[in-house]
Amino acid sequence: MLQKPVQKRKLAAGAALALALAAPLPAAADCFDDAAQYHTVNPWILRAIAALESGFNPEAKHRVNSDGTMDHGMTGINDVLLPELSRYGVTASDLRDPCKSVFLAGWHLRNRINTYGNTWAGMGTYHSKTPSKRDAYAAKLQRIIDYWIEVGIIPR
């Protein structure tokens, strides 16, 4: 039976993500679990954010946004957050530290959930508060999680 093109793309993207997750991560798995526990967020959502933002690359620096800001590190922390983060002693170089990046993602995600709710839309505000961008990001996170469940990376 031939698969539809959309299903093929979904499976190919999911396979790449599964391989990325199975490869040795620059941030030890316990960083995801520790950060999730500390910030009371889901560790699999943190992993999905790292997969989506950078493919788990701690040196990632990309997407010159329309406002001139950049996303940094494994979890795509935007430099617009640096003034606030500097009050806690966080520097730009900390954004490229794998474990610190995961903890910062947990902090940012927790703040977004506190403001917008523990929903896919709330999680989508990790990326943007603009409804269309928020919802597109949330859908990508959900597809990653759904795929990881489908292939058994996340236990049912």
Protein backbone atom coordinates (compact mmCIF):
# COMPACT_ATOMS: atom_id res chain seq x y z
CA MET A 1 0.00 0.00 0.00
CA LEU A 2 1.38 3.39 -0.96
CA GLN A 3 1.51 6.06 1.68
CA LYS A 4 0.19 9.53 1.09
CA PRO A 5 2.90 12.20 0.59
CA VAL A 6 1.99 13.91 3.89
CA GLN A 7 2.37 10.65 5.78
CA LYS A 8 5.75 10.04 4.11
CA ARG A 9 6.99 13.50 5.12
CA LYS A 10 5.71 12.98 8.67
CA LEU A 11 7.45 9.63 8.95
CA ALA A 12 10.70 10.96 7.44
CA ALA A 13 10.74 13.95 9.81
CA GLY A 14 9.88 11.73 12.72
CA ALA A 15 12.61 9.26 11.83
CA ALA A 16 15.18 12.06 11.76
CA LEU A 17 13.99 13.25 15.15
CA ALA A 18 14.08 9.72 16.55
CA LEU A 19 17.66 9.31 15.34
CA ALA A 20 18.60 12.66 16.87
CA LEU A 21 17.10 11.61 20.17
CA ALA A 22 18.85 8.24 20.09
CA ALA A 23 22.24 9.83 19.39
CA PRO A 24 24.37 10.93 22.33
CA LEU A 25 23.04 14.32 23.39
CA PRO A 26 25.29 17.19 24.30
CA ALA A 27 23.06 17.68 27.34
CA ALA A 28 22.79 14.55 29.42
CA ALA A 29 19.31 13.11 29.56
CA ASP A 30 19.18 13.94 33.25
CA CYS A 31 19.42 17.67 32.38
CA PHE A 32 16.05 17.39 30.68
CA ASP A 33 14.59 15.47 33.59
CA ASP A 34 16.20 17.70 36.22
CA ALA A 35 15.11 20.91 34.49
CA ALA A 36 11.58 19.57 34.03
CA GLN A 37 11.34 18.58 37.66
CA TYR A 38 12.77 21.90 38.87
CA HIS A 39 10.39 23.97 36.73
CA THR A 40 7.49 21.49 36.94
CA VAL A 41 7.16 21.07 33.18
CA ASN A 42 7.06 17.97 31.01
CA PRO A 43 10.56 16.65 30.17
CA TRP A 44 9.35 15.35 26.80
CA ILE A 45 8.15 18.82 25.85
CA LEU A 46 11.63 20.15 26.70
CA ARG A 47 13.15 17.45 24.50
CA ALA A 48 10.72 18.27 21.69
CA ILE A 49 11.67 21.96 21.97
CA ALA A 50 15.37 21.06 21.68
CA ALA A 51 14.65 18.80 18.70
CA LEU A 52 12.55 21.46 16.98
CA GLU A 53 14.72 24.46 17.75
CA SER A 54 18.13 23.04 16.91
CA GLY A 55 18.14 19.27 16.40
CA PHE A 56 19.86 19.17 19.83
CA ASN A 57 22.72 21.42 18.64
CA PRO A 58 24.02 23.52 21.57
CA GLU A 59 25.91 25.85 19.21
CA ALA A 60 22.84 26.75 17.14
CA LYS A 61 22.38 30.41 16.35
CA HIS A 62 19.73 31.10 13.82
CA ARG A 63 16.70 32.84 12.53
CA VAL A 64 17.23 36.52 12.39
CA ASN A 65 13.74 37.40 13.48
CA SER A 66 11.77 40.29 12.02
CA ASP A 67 12.63 42.30 15.14
CA GLY A 68 16.36 41.75 14.58
CA THR A 69 16.78 39.29 17.46
CA MET A 70 18.42 35.87 17.28
CA ASP A 71 17.64 32.47 18.78
CA HIS A 72 20.58 30.79 20.51
CA GLY A 73 21.59 27.38 21.72
CA MET A 74 19.94 24.02 21.81
CA THR A 75 16.57 25.33 22.97
CA GLY A 76 16.43 28.48 20.84
CA ILE A 77 16.40 31.02 23.65
CA ASN A 78 15.87 34.43 22.06
CA ASP A 79 18.35 37.13 22.97
CA VAL A 80 15.45 39.47 23.75
CA LEU A 81 15.30 37.59 27.08
CA LEU A 82 18.93 38.43 27.96
CA PRO A 83 18.19 41.66 29.87
CA GLU A 84 15.81 39.78 32.16
CA LEU A 85 18.11 36.76 32.40
CA SER A 86 21.10 38.95 33.24
CA ARG A 87 19.42 39.77 36.56
CA TYR A 88 19.98 36.09 37.41
CA GLY A 89 23.59 36.11 36.23
CA VAL A 90 22.86 34.49 32.85
CA THR A 91 25.10 35.62 29.99
CA ALA A 92 24.92 35.12 26.24
CA SER A 93 27.53 32.35 26.45
CA ASP A 94 25.26 30.46 28.87
CA LEU A 95 22.74 30.09 26.05
CA ARG A 96 25.17 27.72 24.31
CA ASP A 97 25.79 25.54 27.36
CA PRO A 98 23.65 22.42 26.79
CA CYS A 99 22.42 21.89 30.33
CA LYS A 100 21.95 25.59 31.05
CA SER A 101 20.02 25.90 27.80
CA VAL A 102 17.64 23.16 28.91
CA PHE A 103 17.15 24.78 32.32
CA LEU A 104 16.51 28.14 30.62
CA ALA A 105 13.98 26.46 28.35
CA GLY A 106 12.26 25.03 31.42
CA TRP A 107 12.18 28.47 33.00
CA HIS A 108 10.79 30.08 29.83
CA LEU A 109 8.23 27.31 29.28
CA ARG A 110 7.07 27.51 32.91
CA ASN A 111 6.58 31.28 32.54
CA ARG A 112 4.59 30.80 29.35
CA ILE A 113 2.42 28.08 30.93
CA ASN A 114 1.83 30.24 34.01
CA THR A 115 0.58 33.03 31.77
CA TYR A 116 -1.24 31.12 29.01
CA GLY A 117 -2.12 27.77 30.59
CA ASN A 118 -0.85 24.21 30.40
CA THR A 119 -2.25 23.65 26.92
CA TRP A 120 -0.73 23.20 23.47
CA ALA A 121 -1.48 26.86 22.79
CA GLY A 122 0.25 27.81 26.04
CA MET A 123 3.27 25.74 25.07
CA GLY A 124 3.24 27.32 21.62
CA THR A 125 3.86 30.71 23.20
CA TYR A 126 7.36 29.42 23.97
CA HIS A 127 8.01 30.46 20.38
CA SER A 128 5.55 33.32 19.80
CA LYS A 129 2.50 35.02 21.24
CA THR A 130 1.19 35.67 17.72
CA PRO A 131 -1.72 33.20 17.39
CA SER A 132 -0.80 31.83 13.94
CA LYS A 133 2.88 31.35 14.87
CA ARG A 134 1.98 30.03 18.33
CA ASP A 135 -0.43 27.48 16.91
CA ALA A 136 1.97 26.35 14.16
CA TYR A 137 4.74 25.85 16.75
CA ALA A 138 2.41 23.98 19.11
CA ALA A 139 1.33 21.71 16.25
CA LYS A 140 4.98 20.90 15.50
CA LEU A 141 5.62 20.06 19.16
CA GLN A 142 2.53 17.88 19.22
CA ARG A 143 3.60 16.03 16.04
CA ILE A 144 7.01 15.31 17.58
CA ILE A 145 5.44 14.00 20.79
CA ASP A 146 2.85 11.96 18.88
CA TYR A 147 5.57 10.41 16.74
CA TRP A 148 7.74 9.54 19.74
CA ILE A 149 4.74 7.84 21.32
CA GLU A 150 3.95 6.02 18.05
CA VAL A 151 7.47 4.58 17.73
CA GLY A 152 7.79 3.77 21.43
CA ILE A 153 10.35 6.37 22.47
CA ILE A 154 7.78 7.69 24.92
CA PRO A 155 6.00 4.84 26.68
CA ARG A 156 2.25 4.78 26.31
